[in-house]
C-alpha atoms as a PDB file:
ATOM      1  CA  MET A   1      -0.100   0.014  -0.209  1.00  0.00           C
ATOM      2  CA  SER A   2       1.284   3.290  -0.892  1.00  0.00           C
ATOM      3  CA  VAL A   3      -0.025   6.894  -1.982  1.00  0.00           C
ATOM      4  CA  PHE A   4       0.219   7.828  -5.442  1.00  0.00           C
ATOM      5  CA  THR A   5      -2.756   9.841  -5.849  1.00  0.00           C
ATOM      6  CA  PRO A   6      -3.468  12.347  -2.878  1.00  0.00           C
ATOM      7  CA  VAL A   7      -7.093  12.822  -1.719  1.00  0.00           C
ATOM      8  CA  SER A   8      -8.454  15.697   0.339  1.00  0.00           C
ATOM      9  CA  THR A   9     -11.118  15.624   2.919  1.00  0.00           C
ATOM     10  CA  GLU A  10     -12.890  18.095   0.760  1.00  0.00           C
ATOM     11  CA  GLU A  11     -13.145  15.423  -2.144  1.00  0.00           C
ATOM     12  CA  LEU A  12     -13.789  12.585   0.486  1.00  0.00           C
ATOM     13  CA  SER A  13     -16.487  13.958   2.399  1.00  0.00           C
ATOM     14  CA  PRO A  14     -18.939  14.243  -0.155  1.00  0.00           C
ATOM     15  CA  TRP A  15     -17.961  10.826  -1.581  1.00  0.00           C
ATOM     16  CA  LEU A  16     -18.726   9.076   1.545  1.00  0.00           C
ATOM     17  CA  GLY A  17     -22.198  10.509   1.369  1.00  0.00           C
ATOM     18  CA  ARG A  18     -22.967   7.638  -0.995  1.00  0.00           C
ATOM     19  CA  TYR A  19     -22.270   5.103   1.869  1.00  0.00           C
ATOM     20  CA  ALA A  20     -24.024   4.291   4.929  1.00  0.00           C
ATOM     21  CA  VAL A  21     -20.810   4.938   7.120  1.00  0.00           C
ATOM     22  CA  GLY A  22     -21.475   8.008   8.780  1.00  0.00           C
ATOM     23  CA  ARG A  23     -19.546  11.571   8.391  1.00  0.00           C
ATOM     24  CA  LEU A  24     -15.673  11.667   7.901  1.00  0.00           C
ATOM     25  CA  VAL A  25     -13.617  12.545  10.787  1.00  0.00           C
ATOM     26  CA  GLY A  26     -10.166  11.561   9.923  1.00  0.00           C
ATOM     27  CA  LEU A  27      -8.057  10.644   6.953  1.00  0.00           C
ATOM     28  CA  GLN A  28      -4.486   9.306   6.786  1.00  0.00           C
ATOM     29  CA  GLY A  29      -2.320   8.017   3.947  1.00  0.00           C
ATOM     30  CA  ILE A  30      -0.698   4.730   4.132  1.00  0.00           C
ATOM     31  CA  SER A  31       2.978   4.424   3.088  1.00  0.00           C
ATOM     32  CA  ALA A  32       3.344   0.726   3.457  1.00  0.00           C
ATOM     33  CA  GLY A  33       3.192  -1.210   0.119  1.00  0.00           C
ATOM     34  CA  VAL A  34       3.867  -0.651  -3.547  1.00  0.00           C
ATOM     35  CA  GLN A  35       0.612  -0.966  -5.927  1.00  0.00           C
ATOM     36  CA  ASN A  36      -2.166   1.380  -4.944  1.00  0.00           C
ATOM     37  CA  SER A  37      -2.990   4.631  -3.031  1.00  0.00           C
ATOM     38  CA  ASN A  38      -4.282   3.606   0.378  1.00  0.00           C
ATOM     39  CA  PHE A  39      -5.813   5.634   3.206  1.00  0.00           C
ATOM     40  CA  PHE A  40      -7.081   5.099   6.729  1.00  0.00           C
ATOM     41  CA  VAL A  41     -10.501   6.527   7.012  1.00  0.00           C
ATOM     42  CA  THR A  42     -12.506   7.171  10.485  1.00  0.00           C
ATOM     43  CA  THR A  43     -16.095   8.157  10.263  1.00  0.00           C
ATOM     44  CA  THR A  44     -18.632   8.739  13.066  1.00  0.00           C
ATOM     45  CA  LEU A  45     -19.727   5.019  12.588  1.00  0.00           C
ATOM     46  CA  GLY A  46     -16.375   3.219  12.250  1.00  0.00           C
ATOM     47  CA  ARG A  47     -13.014   2.778  10.644  1.00  0.00           C
ATOM     48  CA  TYR A  48     -12.340   1.825   7.113  1.00  0.00           C
ATOM     49  CA  VAL A  49      -9.547   1.728   4.388  1.00  0.00           C
ATOM     50  CA  LEU A  50      -9.951   3.545   1.112  1.00  0.00           C
ATOM     51  CA  THR A  51      -8.164   2.182  -1.909  1.00  0.00           C
ATOM     52  CA  LEU A  52      -7.563   4.077  -5.003  1.00  0.00           C
ATOM     53  CA  PHE A  53      -6.554   1.733  -7.608  1.00  0.00           C
ATOM     54  CA  GLU A  54      -3.584   2.988  -9.649  1.00  0.00           C
ATOM     55  CA  GLY A  55      -2.745   0.292 -12.317  1.00  0.00           C
ATOM     56  CA  ILE A  56      -5.318  -2.623 -12.048  1.00  0.00           C
ATOM     57  CA  PRO A  57      -7.854  -2.120 -14.961  1.00  0.00           C
ATOM     58  CA  ARG A  58     -11.188  -1.234 -13.837  1.00  0.00           C
ATOM     59  CA  ALA A  59     -12.780  -4.468 -15.418  1.00  0.00           C
ATOM     60  CA  GLU A  60     -10.624  -6.784 -13.198  1.00  0.00           C
ATOM     61  CA  LEU A  61     -11.338  -4.966 -10.099  1.00  0.00           C
ATOM     62  CA  PRO A  62     -14.703  -6.868  -9.459  1.00  0.00           C
ATOM     63  CA  PHE A  63     -12.976 -10.110  -9.272  1.00  0.00           C
ATOM     64  CA  TYR A  64     -11.011  -8.902  -6.205  1.00  0.00           C
ATOM     65  CA  LEU A  65     -13.714  -7.242  -4.277  1.00  0.00           C
ATOM     66  CA  HIS A  66     -16.033 -10.012  -4.830  1.00  0.00           C
ATOM     67  CA  LEU A  67     -13.317 -12.577  -3.669  1.00  0.00           C
ATOM     68  CA  MET A  68     -13.143 -10.460  -0.414  1.00  0.00           C
ATOM     69  CA  ALA A  69     -16.626 -10.535   0.170  1.00  0.00           C
ATOM     70  CA  HIS A  70     -16.834 -14.435  -0.513  1.00  0.00           C
ATOM     71  CA  LEU A  71     -14.263 -14.971   1.790  1.00  0.00           C
ATOM     72  CA  ALA A  72     -15.648 -12.973   4.400  1.00  0.00           C
ATOM     73  CA  ARG A  73     -19.079 -14.533   4.152  1.00  0.00           C
ATOM     74  CA  HIS A  74     -16.981 -17.995   4.857  1.00  0.00           C
ATOM     75  CA  GLY A  75     -15.720 -16.803   8.280  1.00  0.00           C
ATOM     76  CA  LEU A  76     -12.241 -15.621   7.195  1.00  0.00           C
ATOM     77  CA  PRO A  77     -10.764 -12.520   8.549  1.00  0.00           C
ATOM     78  CA  VAL A  78     -10.482 -10.461   5.386  1.00  0.00           C
ATOM     79  CA  PRO A  79     -11.371  -6.832   4.821  1.00  0.00           C
ATOM     80  CA  ALA A  80     -15.145  -7.086   3.629  1.00  0.00           C
ATOM     81  CA  PRO A  81     -15.940  -4.316   0.849  1.00  0.00           C
ATOM     82  CA  ILE A  82     -18.486  -1.995   1.671  1.00  0.00           C
ATOM     83  CA  ALA A  83     -21.458  -1.499  -0.619  1.00  0.00           C
ATOM     84  CA  ASP A  84     -22.749   1.956  -1.627  1.00  0.00           C
ATOM     85  CA  ARG A  85     -26.293   2.867  -1.760  1.00  0.00           C
ATOM     86  CA  ASP A  86     -26.671   1.440  -5.204  1.00  0.00           C
ATOM     87  CA  ASN A  87     -25.301  -1.703  -3.885  1.00  0.00           C
ATOM     88  CA  GLU A  88     -22.034  -1.560  -5.852  1.00  0.00           C
ATOM     89  CA  TYR A  89     -18.686  -2.008  -4.406  1.00  0.00           C
ATOM     90  CA  LEU A  90     -16.560  -0.043  -6.765  1.00  0.00           C
ATOM     91  CA  GLY A  91     -16.907   3.651  -7.178  1.00  0.00           C
ATOM     92  CA  THR A  92     -14.673   6.546  -8.589  1.00  0.00           C
ATOM     93  CA  LEU A  93     -12.574   9.153  -6.551  1.00  0.00           C
ATOM     94  CA  SER A  94      -9.804  11.442  -7.767  1.00  0.00           C
ATOM     95  CA  GLY A  95     -10.198  10.101 -11.324  1.00  0.00           C
ATOM     96  CA  ARG A  96      -9.467   6.707 -10.163  1.00  0.00           C
ATOM     97  CA  PRO A  97     -11.424   3.436  -9.395  1.00  0.00           C
ATOM     98  CA  ALA A  98     -11.840   3.274  -5.639  1.00  0.00           C
ATOM     99  CA  ALA A  99     -13.151   0.914  -2.983  1.00  0.00           C
ATOM    100  CA  LEU A 100     -14.172   1.318   0.675  1.00  0.00           C
ATOM    101  CA  VAL A 101     -13.184  -1.874   2.812  1.00  0.00           C
ATOM    102  CA  ARG A 102     -13.620  -2.227   6.639  1.00  0.00           C
ATOM    103  CA  ARG A 103     -10.551  -1.717   8.604  1.00  0.00           C
ATOM    104  CA  LEU A 104      -9.433  -4.902  10.735  1.00  0.00           C
ATOM    105  CA  SER A 105      -7.856  -4.935  14.127  1.00  0.00           C
ATOM    106  CA  GLY A 106      -4.270  -5.945  14.913  1.00  0.00           C
ATOM    107  CA  HIS A 107      -0.669  -5.382  13.682  1.00  0.00           C
ATOM    108  CA  SER A 108       1.901  -7.265  11.537  1.00  0.00           C
ATOM    109  CA  GLU A 109       4.163  -9.469  13.426  1.00  0.00           C
ATOM    110  CA  MET A 110       7.627  -9.241  11.400  1.00  0.00           C
ATOM    111  CA  THR A 111       9.580 -11.588  13.764  1.00  0.00           C
ATOM    112  CA  PRO A 112       7.306 -14.719  13.747  1.00  0.00           C
ATOM    113  CA  GLY A 113       7.752 -18.016  15.631  1.00  0.00           C
ATOM    114  CA  ALA A 114       6.666 -21.354  14.866  1.00  0.00           C
ATOM    115  CA  ASP A 115       3.341 -20.685  16.375  1.00  0.00           C
ATOM    116  CA  HIS A 116       2.500 -18.122  14.217  1.00  0.00           C
ATOM    117  CA  CYS A 117       3.629 -19.916  11.232  1.00  0.00           C
ATOM    118  CA  ALA A 118       1.233 -22.626  12.063  1.00  0.00           C
ATOM    119  CA  ARG A 119      -1.569 -20.435  12.394  1.00  0.00           C
ATOM    120  CA  VAL A 120      -0.848 -18.726   9.035  1.00  0.00           C
ATOM    121  CA  GLY A 121      -0.494 -22.169   7.504  1.00  0.00           C
ATOM    122  CA  ALA A 122      -4.129 -23.323   8.801  1.00  0.00           C
ATOM    123  CA  MET A 123      -5.676 -20.005   7.599  1.00  0.00           C
ATOM    124  CA  LEU A 124      -4.131 -20.393   4.125  1.00  0.00           C
ATOM    125  CA  ALA A 125      -5.574 -23.820   3.657  1.00  0.00           C
ATOM    126  CA  GLY A 126      -8.866 -22.243   4.820  1.00  0.00           C
ATOM    127  CA  LEU A 127      -8.550 -19.744   2.279  1.00  0.00           C
ATOM    128  CA  HIS A 128      -7.720 -22.230  -0.543  1.00  0.00           C
ATOM    129  CA  LEU A 129     -10.594 -24.261   0.394  1.00  0.00           C
ATOM    130  CA  ALA A 130     -13.167 -21.420   0.871  1.00  0.00           C
ATOM    131  CA  GLY A 131     -12.093 -20.306  -2.582  1.00  0.00           C
ATOM    132  CA  LEU A 132     -12.847 -23.385  -4.356  1.00  0.00           C
ATOM    133  CA  SER A 133     -16.460 -22.225  -4.330  1.00  0.00           C
ATOM    134  CA  TYR A 134     -15.775 -18.928  -5.751  1.00  0.00           C
ATOM    135  CA  GLY A 135     -17.703 -18.454  -8.949  1.00  0.00           C
ATOM    136  CA  ARG A 136     -15.343 -15.783 -10.828  1.00  0.00           C
ATOM    137  CA  ARG A 137     -12.111 -16.566 -12.506  1.00  0.00           C
ATOM    138  CA  GLN A 138      -8.970 -14.523 -13.318  1.00  0.00           C
ATOM    139  CA  ASP A 139      -5.472 -15.713 -14.040  1.00  0.00           C
ATOM    140  CA  ASN A 140      -2.691 -14.932 -11.361  1.00  0.00           C
ATOM    141  CA  PRO A 141      -2.026 -11.530 -12.744  1.00  0.00           C
ATOM    142  CA  ARG A 142       2.066 -12.328 -11.922  1.00  0.00           C
ATOM    143  CA  GLY A 143       1.829 -15.787 -13.786  1.00  0.00           C
ATOM    144  CA  ALA A 144       4.173 -16.938 -16.580  1.00  0.00           C
ATOM    145  CA  ALA A 145       3.140 -14.479 -19.047  1.00  0.00           C
ATOM    146  CA  TRP A 146       4.184 -11.596 -16.583  1.00  0.00           C
ATOM    147  CA  ARG A 147       7.178 -13.208 -15.557  1.00  0.00           C
ATOM    148  CA  ASP A 148       8.721 -13.273 -19.075  1.00  0.00           C
ATOM    149  CA  VAL A 149       7.780  -9.807 -19.589  1.00  0.00           C
ATOM    150  CA  ALA A 150       9.027  -8.300 -16.244  1.00  0.00           C
ATOM    151  CA  ALA A 151      12.096 -10.380 -16.942  1.00  0.00           C
ATOM    152  CA  ALA A 152      12.943  -8.604 -20.387  1.00  0.00           C
ATOM    153  CA  ARG A 153      12.412  -5.498 -18.654  1.00  0.00           C
ATOM    154  CA  VAL A 154      14.690  -5.463 -15.694  1.00  0.00           C
ATOM    155  CA  ARG A 155      17.413  -7.768 -17.598  1.00  0.00           C
ATOM    156  CA  PRO A 156      19.182  -4.669 -18.932  1.00  0.00           C
ATOM    157  CA  PHE A 157      19.625  -3.254 -15.310  1.00  0.00           C
ATOM    158  CA  LEU A 158      21.231  -6.531 -14.000  1.00  0.00           C
ATOM    159  CA  PRO A 159      24.965  -7.306 -13.920  1.00  0.00           C
ATOM    160  CA  ALA A 160      26.217 -10.292 -15.760  1.00  0.00           C
ATOM    161  CA  ASP A 161      26.040 -12.758 -13.053  1.00  0.00           C
ATOM    162  CA  GLU A 162      22.506 -11.860 -12.184  1.00  0.00           C
ATOM    163  CA  GLN A 163      21.483 -11.918 -16.080  1.00  0.00           C
ATOM    164  CA  ALA A 164      22.989 -15.567 -16.026  1.00  0.00           C
ATOM    165  CA  LEU A 165      20.955 -16.495 -13.110  1.00  0.00           C
ATOM    166  CA  LEU A 166      17.849 -14.911 -14.374  1.00  0.00           C
ATOM    167  CA  ASP A 167      18.219 -16.711 -17.843  1.00  0.00           C
ATOM    168  CA  ALA A 168      18.970 -20.070 -16.320  1.00  0.00           C
ATOM    169  CA  GLU A 169      15.926 -20.006 -13.942  1.00  0.00           C
ATOM    170  CA  LEU A 170      13.522 -18.906 -16.643  1.00  0.00           C
ATOM    171  CA  ALA A 171      14.606 -21.793 -18.753  1.00  0.00           C
ATOM    172  CA  PHE A 172      14.132 -23.962 -15.624  1.00  0.00           C
ATOM    173  CA  GLN A 173      10.698 -22.667 -14.779  1.00  0.00           C
ATOM    174  CA  GLU A 174       9.564 -23.237 -18.495  1.00  0.00           C
ATOM    175  CA  GLY A 175       9.778 -26.898 -17.536  1.00  0.00           C
ATOM    176  CA  VAL A 176       7.526 -26.854 -14.576  1.00  0.00           C
ATOM    177  CA  ALA A 177       4.168 -28.351 -15.348  1.00  0.00           C
ATOM    178  CA  ASP A 178       2.617 -26.457 -12.529  1.00  0.00           C
ATOM    179  CA  ASP A 179      -0.995 -26.830 -14.630  1.00  0.00           C
ATOM    180  CA  ARG A 180      -1.025 -30.450 -13.142  1.00  0.00           C
ATOM    181  CA  LEU A 181      -1.424 -29.360  -9.496  1.00  0.00           C
ATOM    182  CA  PRO A 182      -4.324 -28.657  -7.651  1.00  0.00           C
ATOM    183  CA  GLN A 183      -5.573 -25.280  -8.796  1.00  0.00           C
ATOM    184  CA  GLY A 184      -7.727 -22.626  -7.377  1.00  0.00           C
ATOM    185  CA  VAL A 185      -7.849 -19.070  -5.857  1.00  0.00           C
ATOM    186  CA  ILE A 186      -4.575 -17.919  -4.234  1.00  0.00           C
ATOM    187  CA  HIS A 187      -3.835 -14.828  -2.227  1.00  0.00           C
ATOM    188  CA  ALA A 188      -0.305 -14.470  -4.002  1.00  0.00           C
ATOM    189  CA  ASP A 189       1.171 -12.046  -1.753  1.00  0.00           C
ATOM    190  CA  LEU A 190       0.671 -13.376   1.871  1.00  0.00           C
ATOM    191  CA  PHE A 191       3.679 -11.713   3.542  1.00  0.00           C
ATOM    192  CA  ARG A 192       3.960 -11.029   7.350  1.00  0.00           C
ATOM    193  CA  ASP A 193       2.885  -7.170   6.721  1.00  0.00           C
ATOM    194  CA  ASN A 194      -0.295  -8.605   5.028  1.00  0.00           C
ATOM    195  CA  VAL A 195      -1.408 -10.392   8.080  1.00  0.00           C
ATOM    196  CA  LEU A 196      -2.679  -8.370  11.133  1.00  0.00           C
ATOM    197  CA  TRP A 197      -2.426 -10.236  14.849  1.00  0.00           C
ATOM    198  CA  ASP A 198      -4.841  -9.416  17.740  1.00  0.00           C
ATOM    199  CA  ASP A 199      -3.939 -10.927  21.069  1.00  0.00           C
ATOM    200  CA  GLY A 200      -2.187 -14.036  19.489  1.00  0.00           C
ATOM    201  CA  LEU A 201      -4.706 -14.663  16.837  1.00  0.00           C
ATOM    202  CA  ILE A 202      -5.041 -13.671  13.083  1.00  0.00           C
ATOM    203  CA  GLY A 203      -7.202 -10.638  13.177  1.00  0.00           C
ATOM    204  CA  GLY A 204      -6.960  -9.890   9.676  1.00  0.00           C
ATOM    205  CA  VAL A 205      -5.548 -10.886   5.980  1.00  0.00           C
ATOM    206  CA  ILE A 206      -5.224  -8.105   3.885  1.00  0.00           C
ATOM    207  CA  ASP A 207      -4.203  -6.824   0.219  1.00  0.00           C
ATOM    208  CA  PHE A 208      -6.007  -9.337  -1.992  1.00  0.00           C
ATOM    209  CA  TYR A 209      -4.948  -7.255  -5.289  1.00  0.00           C
ATOM    210  CA  PHE A 210      -2.675  -9.877  -6.449  1.00  0.00           C
ATOM    211  CA  ALA A 211      -4.750 -12.774  -6.213  1.00  0.00           C
ATOM    212  CA  GLY A 212      -5.741 -14.968  -8.993  1.00  0.00           C
ATOM    213  CA  HIS A 213      -6.178 -18.352 -10.132  1.00  0.00           C
ATOM    214  CA  ASP A 214      -3.137 -20.547 -10.237  1.00  0.00           C
ATOM    215  CA  ALA A 215      -1.332 -23.511  -8.528  1.00  0.00           C
ATOM    216  CA  LEU A 216      -2.327 -23.694  -4.940  1.00  0.00           C
ATOM    217  CA  LEU A 217       1.144 -24.776  -4.078  1.00  0.00           C
ATOM    218  CA  PHE A 218       2.704 -21.699  -5.497  1.00  0.00           C
ATOM    219  CA  ASP A 219       0.652 -19.676  -2.655  1.00  0.00           C
ATOM    220  CA  VAL A 220       2.121 -21.848  -0.082  1.00  0.00           C
ATOM    221  CA  ALA A 221       5.631 -21.487  -1.460  1.00  0.00           C
ATOM    222  CA  VAL A 222       5.192 -17.564  -1.575  1.00  0.00           C
ATOM    223  CA  THR A 223       4.245 -17.846   1.957  1.00  0.00           C
ATOM    224  CA  VAL A 224       6.861 -20.123   3.182  1.00  0.00           C
ATOM    225  CA  ASN A 225       9.604 -17.823   1.295  1.00  0.00           C
ATOM    226  CA  ASP A 226       8.476 -14.902   3.633  1.00  0.00           C
ATOM    227  CA  TRP A 227       7.450 -16.302   6.910  1.00  0.00           C
ATOM    228  CA  CYS A 228       9.840 -19.091   7.180  1.00  0.00           C
ATOM    229  CA  THR A 229      13.168 -17.262   5.995  1.00  0.00           C
ATOM    230  CA  THR A 230      16.061 -16.412   7.998  1.00  0.00           C
ATOM    231  CA  PRO A 231      17.881 -13.042   7.634  1.00  0.00           C
ATOM    232  CA  GLY A 232      20.497 -14.829   5.589  1.00  0.00           C
ATOM    233  CA  GLY A 233      17.805 -16.269   3.219  1.00  0.00           C
ATOM    234  CA  GLU A 234      17.836 -19.771   4.441  1.00  0.00           C
ATOM    235  CA  LEU A 235      14.667 -21.580   5.713  1.00  0.00           C
ATOM    236  CA  ASP A 236      14.258 -22.041   9.159  1.00  0.00           C
ATOM    237  CA  PRO A 237      13.116 -25.565   9.499  1.00  0.00           C
ATOM    238  CA  SER A 238      10.968 -25.290  12.687  1.00  0.00           C
ATOM    239  CA  ARG A 239       8.823 -22.444  11.353  1.00  0.00           C
ATOM    240  CA  ALA A 240       8.644 -24.086   7.935  1.00  0.00           C
ATOM    241  CA  GLU A 241       7.552 -27.439   9.514  1.00  0.00           C
ATOM    242  CA  ALA A 242       5.007 -25.838  11.554  1.00  0.00           C
ATOM    243  CA  LEU A 243       3.490 -23.834   8.617  1.00  0.00           C
ATOM    244  CA  LEU A 244       3.344 -26.665   6.237  1.00  0.00           C
ATOM    245  CA  ALA A 245       1.923 -29.253   8.885  1.00  0.00           C
ATOM    246  CA  ALA A 246      -0.871 -27.087   9.793  1.00  0.00           C
ATOM    247  CA  TYR A 247      -1.686 -26.566   6.257  1.00  0.00           C
ATOM    248  CA  HIS A 248      -1.513 -30.029   5.478  1.00  0.00           C
ATOM    249  CA  ALA A 249      -3.705 -31.185   8.266  1.00  0.00           C
ATOM    250  CA  GLU A 250      -6.422 -28.835   6.447  1.00  0.00           C
ATOM    251  CA  ARG A 251      -5.818 -29.651   2.967  1.00  0.00           C
ATOM    252  CA  PRO A 252      -3.320 -32.751   2.351  1.00  0.00           C
ATOM    253  CA  PHE A 253      -0.537 -32.368  -0.042  1.00  0.00           C
ATOM    254  CA  GLU A 254      -0.733 -34.641  -2.979  1.00  0.00           C
ATOM    255  CA  ALA A 255       1.988 -36.557  -4.402  1.00  0.00           C
ATOM    256  CA  ALA A 256       2.487 -34.282  -7.419  1.00  0.00           C
ATOM    257  CA  GLU A 257       2.655 -31.273  -5.062  1.00  0.00           C
ATOM    258  CA  ARG A 258       5.463 -33.025  -3.022  1.00  0.00           C
ATOM    259  CA  ASP A 259       7.394 -33.666  -6.363  1.00  0.00           C
ATOM    260  CA  ALA A 260       7.019 -29.937  -7.352  1.00  0.00           C
ATOM    261  CA  TRP A 261       7.712 -28.399  -3.904  1.00  0.00           C
ATOM    262  CA  PRO A 262      11.421 -27.438  -4.938  1.00  0.00           C
ATOM    263  CA  ALA A 263      10.184 -25.766  -8.203  1.00  0.00           C
ATOM    264  CA  MET A 264       7.699 -23.982  -6.410  1.00  0.00           C
ATOM    265  CA  LEU A 265      10.014 -22.504  -3.979  1.00  0.00           C
ATOM    266  CA  ARG A 266      12.207 -21.369  -6.610  1.00  0.00           C
ATOM    267  CA  GLY A 267       9.235 -19.969  -8.886  1.00  0.00           C
ATOM    268  CA  ALA A 268       7.942 -17.933  -5.911  1.00  0.00           C
ATOM    269  CA  ALA A 269      11.490 -16.515  -5.166  1.00  0.00           C
ATOM    270  CA  LEU A 270      11.863 -15.370  -8.708  1.00  0.00           C
ATOM    271  CA  ARG A 271       8.447 -13.851  -8.611  1.00  0.00           C
ATOM    272  CA  PHE A 272       9.422 -11.351  -6.053  1.00  0.00           C
ATOM    273  CA  TRP A 273      12.807 -10.905  -7.294  1.00  0.00           C
ATOM    274  CA  LEU A 274      11.470  -9.783 -10.582  1.00  0.00           C
ATOM    275  CA  SER A 275       8.792  -7.597  -9.132  1.00  0.00           C
ATOM    276  CA  ARG A 276      11.065  -5.721  -6.717  1.00  0.00           C
ATOM    277  CA  ALA A 277      13.728  -5.602  -9.399  1.00  0.00           C
ATOM    278  CA  GLU A 278      11.027  -3.716 -11.508  1.00  0.00           C
ATOM    279  CA  ASP A 279       9.776  -1.448  -8.792  1.00  0.00           C
ATOM    280  CA  PHE A 280      13.713  -0.690  -7.840  1.00  0.00           C
ATOM    281  CA  HIS A 281      14.797   0.019 -11.549  1.00  0.00           C
ATOM    282  CA  LEU A 282      11.860   1.310 -13.056  1.00  0.00           C
ATOM    283  CA  PRO A 283       9.852   3.120 -10.051  1.00  0.00           C
ATOM    284  CA  LYS A 284       6.426   4.739 -10.330  1.00  0.00           C
ATOM    285  CA  ALA A 285       6.096   8.176  -9.429  1.00  0.00           C
ATOM    286  CA  GLY A 286       4.358   8.864  -6.140  1.00  0.00           C
ATOM    287  CA  GLU A 287       3.675  10.934  -2.982  1.00  0.00           C
ATOM    288  CA  MET A 288       4.593   8.213  -0.434  1.00  0.00           C
ATOM    289  CA  VAL A 289       6.001   5.154  -2.132  1.00  0.00           C
ATOM    290  CA  LEU A 290       7.687   1.996  -0.287  1.00  0.00           C
ATOM    291  CA  VAL A 291      10.168   0.181  -2.919  1.00  0.00           C
ATOM    292  CA  LYS A 292      11.458  -3.024  -1.368  1.00  0.00           C
ATOM    293  CA  PRO A 293      15.241  -4.186  -2.317  1.00  0.00           C
ATOM    294  CA  PRO A 294      15.153  -7.028  -4.798  1.00  0.00           C
ATOM    295  CA  ALA A 295      18.557  -8.638  -3.679  1.00  0.00           C
ATOM    296  CA  GLU A 296      16.807 -10.363  -0.763  1.00  0.00           C
ATOM    297  CA  TYR A 297      14.897 -12.538  -3.246  1.00  0.00           C
ATOM    298  CA  ARG A 298      17.625 -12.857  -5.509  1.00  0.00           C
ATOM    299  CA  ASP A 299      19.501 -14.652  -2.732  1.00  0.00           C
ATOM    300  CA  ILE A 300      16.516 -16.742  -1.654  1.00  0.00           C
ATOM    301  CA  LEU A 301      16.480 -18.083  -5.145  1.00  0.00           C
ATOM    302  CA  ARG A 302      20.213 -18.906  -5.061  1.00  0.00           C
ATOM    303  CA  ARG A 303      19.660 -20.823  -1.713  1.00  0.00           C
ATOM    304  CA  HIS A 304      16.905 -23.002  -3.188  1.00  0.00           C
ATOM    305  CA  ILE A 305      18.757 -23.577  -6.214  1.00  0.00           C
ATOM    306  CA  ALA A 306      21.839 -24.695  -4.221  1.00  0.00           C
ATOM    307  CA  ALA A 307      20.136 -26.720  -1.605  1.00  0.00           C
ATOM    308  CA  PRO A 308      16.525 -28.142  -2.705  1.00  0.00           C
ATOM    309  CA  HIS A 309      13.991 -28.642   0.159  1.00  0.00           C
ATOM    310  CA  SER A 310      11.351 -31.379   0.453  1.00  0.00           C
ATOM    311  CA  LEU A 311       8.107 -31.069   2.065  1.00  0.00           C
ATOM    312  CA  PRO A 312       8.416 -32.259   5.658  1.00  0.00           C
ATOM    313  CA  VAL A 313       5.043 -33.526   6.094  1.00  0.00           C
END
């Protein structure tokens, strides 16, 4: 979350009149994240998050908003979108598509232990199972097609050794038959800063705007790479086992997923190396923008290549 398009209280107050959420009390920009413009909004009736969508085509946005509504109906702690008086989730503000969602309680845990990872694993499995009944479909926006385009865009900025790493990994991933794995809706960005903790429990799972239809195992790999990695880029065995065992208890892994696990870890690392390199070398202009260093995921990829991991459950 970032702020690329500013919003004033003079603009927001009449816009909120289309919703049954009370009158505006406070407005604050959110600096974390990299894709959209986000604000905390406080009204006389509650606390919300306002998102202005900067790069996602308007036609694709109903997929994300209705997905969050679907998951919220299934009891998952996600930010349910707020419908306006015309029963629409998506509006327009400051020339951008805009949506208002309920603000969830809690804070991010950036130094998780095995217990945190176990809860995240169980929650992710529940999200995948609930998503199986979601009627809309949209491909993973950061899937194979995007990967090839992003690689071509960032390759000229990389030193020779990183170009060689990138070329070799792209060739490897071309041979991964992930379409044979169980498929469904994935969050695709379940990092530590996208989970809110409230008194030891998960109070919220946020930022669904990279979600799409893909291999469920890819989502597990994205999550493990963030939640279970040491500062040196290695997987912490206790945290990884806790997360994967809790996930497996809710949705057991299939034999094909066990075989594909090392490749999924590599593919998930490549995805975030590329996206961070793109943000770093080709940044978007913005008022408050967070750009994360790409080297972290380059190094995670190198470690997965050097020492492949098996599913411990």
